[in-house]
N, C-alpha and C. Protein backbone atom coordinates (compact mmCIF):
# COMPACT_ATOMS: atom_id res chain seq x y z
N MET A 1 69.49 49.99 88.01
CA MET A 1 68.93 49.96 88.79
C MET A 1 68.44 48.31 88.85
N PRO A 2 69.07 47.40 89.35
CA PRO A 2 68.73 45.90 89.54
C PRO A 2 67.14 46.24 90.07
N LEU A 3 66.14 45.73 89.42
CA LEU A 3 65.19 44.71 89.99
C LEU A 3 65.35 43.20 89.89
N ARG A 4 63.38 42.78 90.36
CA ARG A 4 63.46 41.18 90.56
C ARG A 4 63.63 40.75 89.12
N ALA A 5 63.74 39.73 89.29
CA ALA A 5 63.95 38.21 87.82
C ALA A 5 65.35 38.93 86.77
N GLY A 6 66.58 39.45 87.70
CA GLY A 6 67.77 40.05 86.68
C GLY A 6 67.14 41.05 85.90
N ILE A 7 66.21 42.01 86.08
CA ILE A 7 65.93 43.48 84.67
C ILE A 7 66.43 44.17 85.42
N ALA A 8 67.18 45.20 84.69
CA ALA A 8 67.39 46.12 85.26
C ALA A 8 66.90 47.31 84.48
N LEU A 9 66.78 48.39 84.89
CA LEU A 9 66.33 49.61 85.01
C LEU A 9 67.38 50.62 84.18
N HIS A 10 67.15 51.16 83.51
CA HIS A 10 68.28 52.33 82.95
C HIS A 10 66.94 53.72 81.84
N ARG A 11 67.38 54.64 82.58
CA ARG A 11 66.79 55.94 82.26
C ARG A 11 67.08 56.41 81.23
N THR A 12 66.63 56.90 80.29
CA THR A 12 66.99 57.30 78.73
C THR A 12 66.01 58.66 78.61
N ALA A 13 66.60 59.27 77.77
CA ALA A 13 65.54 60.28 77.11
C ALA A 13 64.33 59.93 76.70
N VAL A 14 63.30 60.65 76.12
CA VAL A 14 62.18 60.59 75.71
C VAL A 14 62.38 59.66 74.48
N GLY A 15 61.95 58.87 73.99
CA GLY A 15 62.09 58.26 72.45
C GLY A 15 62.54 57.19 72.34
N ASP A 16 61.97 56.49 70.94
CA ASP A 16 62.42 55.18 70.63
C ASP A 16 63.96 55.40 70.58
N ARG A 17 64.33 56.08 69.77
CA ARG A 17 66.12 56.19 69.31
C ARG A 17 66.90 56.54 70.46
N TYR A 18 66.52 56.87 71.50
CA TYR A 18 67.45 56.76 72.59
C TYR A 18 67.48 55.44 73.47
N VAL A 19 65.73 54.95 73.26
CA VAL A 19 65.98 53.38 74.06
C VAL A 19 67.12 53.26 73.58
N VAL A 20 66.53 53.17 72.08
CA VAL A 20 67.38 51.95 70.90
C VAL A 20 69.25 52.02 71.64
N GLU A 21 69.59 53.32 71.42
CA GLU A 21 70.77 53.65 71.57
C GLU A 21 71.47 53.27 72.87
N LYS A 22 70.70 53.22 74.14
CA LYS A 22 71.03 52.62 75.38
C LYS A 22 70.70 50.90 75.29
N MET A 23 69.75 50.08 74.89
CA MET A 23 70.04 48.90 74.66
C MET A 23 71.17 48.55 73.89
N ARG A 24 71.37 49.15 72.81
CA ARG A 24 72.36 49.06 71.75
C ARG A 24 73.93 48.82 73.13
N SER A 25 74.12 50.23 73.68
CA SER A 25 75.83 50.44 74.21
C SER A 25 75.53 49.33 75.12
N LEU A 26 74.01 48.39 76.10
CA LEU A 26 74.53 47.63 77.26
C LEU A 26 74.21 46.15 76.80
N GLY A 27 73.58 45.89 75.13
CA GLY A 27 73.62 44.43 74.68
C GLY A 27 72.17 43.87 75.27
N CYS A 28 70.99 45.09 75.53
CA CYS A 28 70.01 44.43 76.03
C CYS A 28 69.36 43.96 74.82
N ASN A 29 68.06 43.54 74.95
CA ASN A 29 66.70 43.24 73.46
C ASN A 29 65.57 43.87 74.05
N LEU A 30 65.63 44.04 75.22
CA LEU A 30 64.42 44.70 75.61
C LEU A 30 64.06 45.71 76.05
N GLY A 31 63.47 46.61 75.81
CA GLY A 31 63.45 48.52 76.09
C GLY A 31 62.23 48.66 75.63
N GLY A 32 61.63 49.90 76.15
CA GLY A 32 60.38 50.37 75.87
C GLY A 32 60.24 52.03 76.93
N GLU A 33 58.93 52.41 76.37
CA GLU A 33 58.59 53.81 77.39
C GLU A 33 57.42 53.38 77.44
N GLN A 34 56.82 54.38 78.89
CA GLN A 34 55.73 54.37 79.69
C GLN A 34 54.79 54.26 78.48
N SER A 35 55.23 55.01 77.45
CA SER A 35 53.49 55.27 76.66
C SER A 35 53.10 54.19 75.71
N GLY A 36 54.01 53.06 76.19
CA GLY A 36 53.49 51.43 75.49
C GLY A 36 54.49 51.24 74.63
N HIS A 37 55.24 52.34 74.04
CA HIS A 37 56.42 51.49 72.95
C HIS A 37 57.38 50.08 73.54
N ILE A 38 57.53 49.25 73.26
CA ILE A 38 57.60 47.72 73.39
C ILE A 38 58.76 47.81 72.80
N ILE A 39 60.28 47.30 72.60
CA ILE A 39 61.14 47.28 71.56
C ILE A 39 61.78 46.32 71.97
N LEU A 40 61.50 45.55 71.35
CA LEU A 40 62.25 43.83 71.05
C LEU A 40 62.85 43.68 69.76
N SER A 41 64.15 43.47 70.44
CA SER A 41 65.72 44.19 69.38
C SER A 41 65.75 43.05 68.66
N ASP A 42 65.19 41.88 69.40
CA ASP A 42 65.56 40.78 68.41
C ASP A 42 65.09 40.16 67.14
N TYR A 43 63.34 41.79 67.11
CA TYR A 43 62.78 41.11 65.87
C TYR A 43 62.37 42.70 65.19
N ALA A 44 63.04 43.54 65.80
CA ALA A 44 62.61 44.83 64.96
C ALA A 44 63.40 46.12 66.14
N THR A 45 63.64 47.11 65.40
CA THR A 45 64.05 48.25 66.36
C THR A 45 63.71 49.22 66.62
N THR A 46 62.06 49.11 66.53
CA THR A 46 61.38 50.25 67.02
C THR A 46 60.31 50.00 67.88
N GLY A 47 59.46 50.22 68.58
CA GLY A 47 58.17 50.08 69.45
C GLY A 47 57.61 48.98 68.22
N ASP A 48 56.80 48.11 68.38
CA ASP A 48 56.09 47.40 67.47
C ASP A 48 54.90 46.64 67.88
N GLY A 49 53.58 47.47 68.35
CA GLY A 49 52.67 47.13 68.91
C GLY A 49 51.92 45.31 68.68
N LEU A 50 52.54 44.62 67.46
CA LEU A 50 51.99 43.78 67.06
C LEU A 50 53.05 42.31 67.83
N ILE A 51 54.20 43.09 67.70
CA ILE A 51 55.47 41.97 67.86
C ILE A 51 55.32 41.74 69.73
N ALA A 52 54.82 42.91 70.34
CA ALA A 52 54.82 42.80 71.77
C ALA A 52 53.40 41.72 72.19
N ALA A 53 52.67 41.91 71.50
CA ALA A 53 51.13 41.43 71.87
C ALA A 53 51.73 40.04 71.50
N LEU A 54 52.25 39.42 70.34
CA LEU A 54 52.61 38.43 70.40
C LEU A 54 53.54 37.54 71.60
N GLN A 55 54.52 38.20 71.05
CA GLN A 55 55.34 38.30 72.88
C GLN A 55 54.41 37.57 73.48
N VAL A 56 53.46 38.55 74.23
CA VAL A 56 52.99 38.56 75.64
C VAL A 56 51.91 37.11 75.55
N LEU A 57 51.65 36.91 74.04
CA LEU A 57 50.77 35.31 74.13
C LEU A 57 51.11 33.90 74.34
N ALA A 58 52.51 34.79 73.55
CA ALA A 58 53.13 33.68 74.02
C ALA A 58 54.08 32.91 75.18
N ALA A 59 54.24 34.42 75.86
CA ALA A 59 54.62 34.13 77.57
C ALA A 59 52.85 33.38 78.25
N ILE A 60 51.70 33.81 78.01
CA ILE A 60 50.74 33.08 78.10
C ILE A 60 50.82 31.30 78.17
N VAL A 61 50.66 31.86 77.02
CA VAL A 61 51.08 29.75 76.27
C VAL A 61 52.23 29.43 76.92
N GLU A 62 53.20 29.28 77.14
CA GLU A 62 54.27 28.97 77.40
C GLU A 62 54.19 28.42 79.40
N THR A 63 53.38 30.09 79.79
CA THR A 63 53.67 29.57 81.97
C THR A 63 52.48 28.57 82.11
N GLY A 64 51.02 28.99 80.91
CA GLY A 64 49.69 28.96 81.47
C GLY A 64 49.12 29.20 82.47
N LYS A 65 49.50 30.35 82.51
CA LYS A 65 49.04 31.91 83.38
C LYS A 65 48.07 32.14 82.48
N ARG A 66 46.54 32.85 83.28
CA ARG A 66 46.18 33.42 82.49
C ARG A 66 46.81 35.34 82.60
N ALA A 67 46.44 35.91 81.62
CA ALA A 67 47.00 36.99 81.27
C ALA A 67 46.82 38.20 82.63
N SER A 68 46.41 38.40 83.56
CA SER A 68 45.85 38.95 84.51
C SER A 68 47.49 38.84 85.15
N GLU A 69 48.05 37.31 85.19
CA GLU A 69 49.43 37.02 86.03
C GLU A 69 49.81 37.21 85.56
N VAL A 70 50.51 37.42 83.87
CA VAL A 70 51.85 37.28 83.36
C VAL A 70 51.79 39.02 82.87
N CYS A 71 50.15 39.43 83.15
CA CYS A 71 51.06 41.48 82.70
C CYS A 71 51.43 41.75 83.52
N ARG A 72 50.76 41.30 84.92
CA ARG A 72 50.62 41.99 86.42
C ARG A 72 52.25 42.02 87.05
N VAL A 73 53.66 42.48 86.69
CA VAL A 73 54.45 42.08 87.25
C VAL A 73 54.92 43.45 87.89
N PHE A 74 54.04 44.51 88.07
CA PHE A 74 54.89 46.00 88.94
C PHE A 74 53.15 46.91 89.08
N GLU A 75 53.59 46.77 90.62
CA GLU A 75 52.63 48.30 90.64
C GLU A 75 52.86 49.54 90.37
N PRO A 76 52.25 50.57 89.40
CA PRO A 76 52.90 51.56 89.19
C PRO A 76 52.76 52.39 90.39
N VAL A 77 53.41 53.60 90.45
CA VAL A 77 53.35 54.55 91.65
C VAL A 77 52.38 56.28 90.98
N PRO A 78 51.82 56.46 91.76
CA PRO A 78 50.80 57.96 91.18
C PRO A 78 51.94 58.82 90.33
N GLN A 79 51.45 59.02 89.35
CA GLN A 79 51.61 59.99 88.45
C GLN A 79 50.76 61.22 87.77
N LEU A 80 51.40 62.33 87.56
CA LEU A 80 51.18 63.41 87.18
C LEU A 80 51.51 64.21 86.29
N LEU A 81 50.87 64.37 85.05
CA LEU A 81 51.36 65.38 83.56
C LEU A 81 50.52 66.46 83.56
N ARG A 82 51.14 67.48 83.23
CA ARG A 82 50.37 68.59 82.85
C ARG A 82 50.96 69.06 81.62
N ASN A 83 50.43 69.60 81.10
CA ASN A 83 50.89 69.90 79.56
C ASN A 83 50.82 71.51 79.78
N VAL A 84 52.21 72.52 79.52
CA VAL A 84 51.77 74.53 79.58
C VAL A 84 51.69 74.53 78.33
N ARG A 85 50.82 75.30 77.75
CA ARG A 85 50.86 76.17 76.86
C ARG A 85 51.46 77.24 76.45
N PHE A 86 52.49 78.01 75.45
CA PHE A 86 52.93 79.10 75.90
C PHE A 86 53.42 79.61 74.32
N GLY A 87 53.38 80.68 74.30
CA GLY A 87 53.39 81.78 72.72
C GLY A 87 54.91 81.75 72.37
N GLU A 88 55.27 82.07 73.29
CA GLU A 88 57.08 82.47 72.68
C GLU A 88 58.24 82.40 73.27
N GLY A 89 59.31 82.75 73.07
CA GLY A 89 60.36 82.69 73.99
C GLY A 89 60.87 80.61 74.24
N ARG A 90 61.62 80.77 75.19
CA ARG A 90 61.96 79.16 75.70
C ARG A 90 61.97 79.51 77.24
N PRO A 91 60.45 79.40 77.94
CA PRO A 91 60.72 79.38 79.30
C PRO A 91 61.79 78.53 80.39
N LEU A 92 61.96 77.47 79.75
CA LEU A 92 62.74 76.37 80.46
C LEU A 92 63.99 76.70 81.11
N GLU A 93 64.40 78.19 79.75
CA GLU A 93 65.75 78.43 80.52
C GLU A 93 65.77 79.79 80.96
N SER A 94 64.76 80.11 81.76
CA SER A 94 64.70 81.36 82.75
C SER A 94 65.15 80.41 84.00
N ARG A 95 65.79 81.34 85.26
CA ARG A 95 66.45 81.17 85.76
C ARG A 95 64.98 80.74 87.26
N HIS A 96 64.24 81.47 87.02
CA HIS A 96 62.84 81.23 88.13
C HIS A 96 62.37 79.80 88.02
N VAL A 97 62.13 79.07 86.54
CA VAL A 97 62.09 78.10 85.89
C VAL A 97 62.64 77.31 86.68
N GLN A 98 63.65 77.51 86.46
CA GLN A 98 65.05 76.60 86.92
C GLN A 98 65.27 76.35 88.33
N ARG A 99 64.94 77.24 89.31
CA ARG A 99 64.49 77.60 90.26
C ARG A 99 63.52 76.80 90.91
N ALA A 100 62.44 76.85 90.33
CA ALA A 100 61.26 76.13 90.43
C ALA A 100 61.63 74.39 90.48
N ILE A 101 62.06 74.13 89.23
CA ILE A 101 62.30 72.98 88.87
C ILE A 101 63.27 72.20 90.23
N ALA A 102 63.92 72.50 90.49
CA ALA A 102 64.88 72.18 91.37
C ALA A 102 64.25 72.13 93.05
N ALA A 103 63.53 73.07 93.43
CA ALA A 103 63.03 73.08 94.68
C ALA A 103 61.99 71.98 94.35
N GLY A 104 61.49 71.58 93.41
CA GLY A 104 60.52 70.58 93.14
C GLY A 104 60.98 69.30 93.43
N GLU A 105 62.49 68.84 92.44
CA GLU A 105 63.15 67.47 92.67
C GLU A 105 63.58 67.88 94.46
N ALA A 106 63.59 68.97 95.14
CA ALA A 106 64.12 68.69 96.54
C ALA A 106 63.25 67.86 97.57
N ARG A 107 61.95 68.64 96.66
CA ARG A 107 60.57 68.27 97.83
C ARG A 107 60.17 66.96 97.40
N LEU A 108 60.41 66.25 96.02
CA LEU A 108 60.01 65.28 96.18
C LEU A 108 61.05 64.29 96.70
N GLY A 109 62.51 64.54 96.97
CA GLY A 109 63.37 63.70 97.32
C GLY A 109 63.25 62.14 96.27
N PRO A 110 64.55 61.25 96.90
CA PRO A 110 64.65 60.27 95.96
C PRO A 110 63.89 59.15 95.65
N ALA A 111 62.13 59.76 96.45
CA ALA A 111 61.33 58.16 96.02
C ALA A 111 60.53 58.93 94.85
N GLY A 112 60.85 60.68 94.29
CA GLY A 112 59.81 61.06 93.39
C GLY A 112 60.77 61.35 91.86
N ARG A 113 60.22 61.60 91.14
CA ARG A 113 60.75 61.77 89.98
C ARG A 113 60.24 62.87 89.24
N LEU A 114 60.68 63.77 88.57
CA LEU A 114 60.51 64.84 87.72
C LEU A 114 61.10 64.70 86.04
N VAL A 115 60.33 64.90 85.30
CA VAL A 115 60.78 65.03 83.75
C VAL A 115 59.79 66.17 83.26
N ILE A 116 60.72 67.04 82.81
CA ILE A 116 60.15 68.40 82.45
C ILE A 116 60.96 68.43 80.75
N ARG A 117 60.01 68.65 80.08
CA ARG A 117 60.32 68.84 78.56
C ARG A 117 59.59 69.62 77.52
N ASN A 118 59.94 70.31 76.27
CA ASN A 118 59.47 70.65 75.80
C ASN A 118 58.73 69.54 74.99
N SER A 119 57.53 69.78 74.52
CA SER A 119 57.14 68.91 73.36
C SER A 119 58.02 69.19 72.04
N GLY A 120 58.14 67.85 70.84
CA GLY A 120 58.49 68.10 70.05
C GLY A 120 57.85 68.88 68.52
N THR A 121 56.86 68.54 68.94
CA THR A 121 55.88 69.48 67.70
C THR A 121 54.66 70.45 68.20
N GLU A 122 54.31 70.70 68.98
CA GLU A 122 53.55 71.79 69.35
C GLU A 122 54.23 72.84 70.37
N PRO A 123 54.08 74.51 70.89
CA PRO A 123 54.61 74.65 71.96
C PRO A 123 54.39 75.06 73.05
N VAL A 124 54.23 73.59 73.32
CA VAL A 124 54.25 72.87 75.08
C VAL A 124 54.83 72.41 75.77
N ILE A 125 55.15 72.36 76.63
CA ILE A 125 55.91 71.89 77.57
C ILE A 125 55.41 70.91 78.71
N ARG A 126 55.98 69.70 78.77
CA ARG A 126 55.37 68.72 79.56
C ARG A 126 56.22 68.43 80.93
N VAL A 127 55.03 68.74 81.89
CA VAL A 127 55.77 68.83 83.35
C VAL A 127 54.89 67.61 83.86
N MET A 128 55.86 66.48 84.34
CA MET A 128 55.45 64.60 84.91
C MET A 128 56.23 65.06 86.09
N ALA A 129 55.61 64.29 87.24
CA ALA A 129 56.05 64.05 88.51
C ALA A 129 55.50 62.69 88.98
N GLN A 130 56.43 61.94 89.47
CA GLN A 130 55.83 60.53 89.73
C GLN A 130 56.59 60.26 91.09
N GLY A 131 56.14 59.87 92.31
CA GLY A 131 56.11 59.82 93.28
C GLY A 131 55.06 58.89 93.89
N GLU A 132 55.13 58.75 95.51
CA GLU A 132 54.22 58.06 96.17
C GLU A 132 52.74 59.36 97.04
N ASP A 133 53.60 60.01 97.06
CA ASP A 133 52.01 61.21 97.44
C ASP A 133 51.67 61.99 96.33
N GLY A 134 50.30 62.02 95.95
CA GLY A 134 49.39 62.30 95.55
C GLY A 134 49.30 63.37 95.24
N ALA A 135 48.99 63.88 96.83
CA ALA A 135 48.93 65.51 96.97
C ALA A 135 50.66 66.39 96.74
N LEU A 136 51.81 65.94 96.81
CA LEU A 136 52.84 66.28 97.08
C LEU A 136 53.16 66.67 95.57
N LEU A 137 52.19 65.56 94.84
CA LEU A 137 53.09 65.82 93.73
C LEU A 137 52.00 66.78 92.98
N SER A 138 50.52 66.95 93.06
CA SER A 138 50.34 68.08 92.43
C SER A 138 50.83 69.62 92.98
N SER A 139 51.31 69.42 94.07
CA SER A 139 51.67 70.53 94.47
C SER A 139 52.72 70.89 93.68
N VAL A 140 53.73 70.25 93.81
CA VAL A 140 54.68 70.47 93.07
C VAL A 140 54.64 70.13 91.50
N VAL A 141 53.79 69.68 90.75
CA VAL A 141 53.58 70.05 89.41
C VAL A 141 53.09 71.69 89.21
N ASP A 142 52.05 72.47 90.26
CA ASP A 142 51.20 73.24 90.43
C ASP A 142 52.32 74.68 90.33
N GLY A 143 53.40 74.40 91.17
CA GLY A 143 54.66 75.21 90.81
C GLY A 143 55.17 75.43 89.92
N ILE A 144 55.44 74.36 89.35
CA ILE A 144 57.11 74.13 88.35
C ILE A 144 55.58 75.01 86.95
N CYS A 145 54.89 74.62 86.90
CA CYS A 145 53.49 75.01 86.19
C CYS A 145 53.05 77.07 86.16
N ASP A 146 53.09 77.36 87.11
CA ASP A 146 52.90 78.31 87.57
C ASP A 146 54.20 79.13 87.30
N ALA A 147 55.75 78.62 87.80
CA ALA A 147 56.97 79.75 87.17
C ALA A 147 56.56 79.55 85.61
N ILE A 148 56.51 78.59 85.21
CA ILE A 148 56.69 78.64 83.64
C ILE A 148 55.72 79.78 83.07
N LEU A 149 54.32 79.36 83.35
CA LEU A 149 53.43 80.69 83.12
C LEU A 149 54.00 81.65 83.75
N SER A 150 54.51 81.83 84.82
CA SER A 150 54.82 83.81 84.67
C SER A 150 56.23 83.87 84.04
N VAL A 151 56.65 83.45 83.12
CA VAL A 151 57.78 83.75 82.50
C VAL A 151 57.24 83.63 80.95
N ALA A 152 56.60 82.90 80.31
CA ALA A 152 56.21 82.57 79.08
C ALA A 152 55.11 83.44 78.40
N ARG A 153 55.21 84.23 76.94
CA ARG A 153 54.30 85.63 76.41
C ARG A 153 53.84 84.46 75.89
N GLY A 154 52.11 85.08 76.25
CA GLY A 154 51.25 84.82 75.48
C GLY A 154 50.58 83.04 76.33
N PRO A 155 50.96 82.62 77.51
CA PRO A 155 50.77 81.50 78.32
C PRO A 155 48.98 81.11 78.25
N GLU A 156 48.99 79.72 78.12
CA GLU A 156 47.89 79.42 78.75
C GLU A 156 48.20 78.04 78.67
N ALA A 157 47.33 77.74 80.30
CA ALA A 157 48.01 76.36 80.65
C ALA A 157 46.74 75.45 79.93
N VAL A 158 47.13 74.06 79.97
CA VAL A 158 46.41 72.89 79.27
C VAL A 158 46.46 71.65 79.97
N GLU A 159 45.59 70.90 80.64
CA GLU A 159 45.61 70.09 81.32
C GLU A 159 46.32 68.83 79.64
N ALA A 160 46.78 67.54 80.04
CA ALA A 160 46.67 66.41 79.60
C ALA A 160 45.72 66.11 79.54
N PRO A 161 45.32 65.37 77.78
CA PRO A 161 44.29 64.69 77.81
C PRO A 161 43.26 63.88 79.23
N ALA A 162 42.11 63.95 79.10
CA ALA A 162 42.06 63.01 80.34
C ALA A 162 41.96 61.34 79.98
N GLY A 163 42.52 60.71 81.24
CA GLY A 163 43.22 59.39 81.01
C GLY A 163 44.12 59.32 81.04
N SER A 164 45.35 60.12 80.83
CA SER A 164 46.64 60.51 80.94
C SER A 164 47.09 61.49 82.03
N ALA A 165 46.39 61.81 82.12
CA ALA A 165 47.20 63.04 83.54
C ALA A 165 46.99 62.63 84.91
N VAL A 166 46.78 61.48 85.62
CA VAL A 166 47.28 60.73 86.76
C VAL A 166 46.69 59.73 86.19
N GLN A 167 47.74 58.82 86.71
CA GLN A 167 48.09 57.52 86.84
C GLN A 167 47.96 56.89 87.80
N ALA A 168 47.37 55.89 88.69
CA ALA A 168 47.53 56.05 90.48
C ALA A 168 47.90 54.11 90.31
N ALA A 169 48.24 54.17 91.58
CA ALA A 169 48.83 52.58 91.56
C ALA A 169 47.25 51.96 92.13
N GLU A 170 46.58 50.75 92.03
CA GLU A 170 45.37 50.14 92.20
C GLU A 170 45.15 49.68 93.01
């Protein structure tokens, strides 16, 4: 997806490993994740905060602009993340959950995005929706979480930690 300034957006699975694989296949030297991992392959093959910070400082010095100008290059859209803790089983393989996900994708349409995945470290499913309408995001995420809870054994819904659950454009 081409963006301004000749930069293209390519989506991958979550994780530096997948970002680096895509970067290599495309011959890119800049990649990253929303979590803040920025990969500058001219300097390192993993997300490195110190290298990223030094490059931002270099851009500030080079352009003579304030940090607020250099770092504000896009407007984030509203996003909602909820974690659903479950006891046993594979809730994402359930037809009921798959139908809820498909219905959520249809409701969000092309202007929205869903990312639903198992945590790699705990029995939690992460449900993230992104789009312009916060109320719609909440409804879609609630529906998917309810579907997961209805098929999971020993479920307990857990909201994401404060500060990371909802991110909206300012």
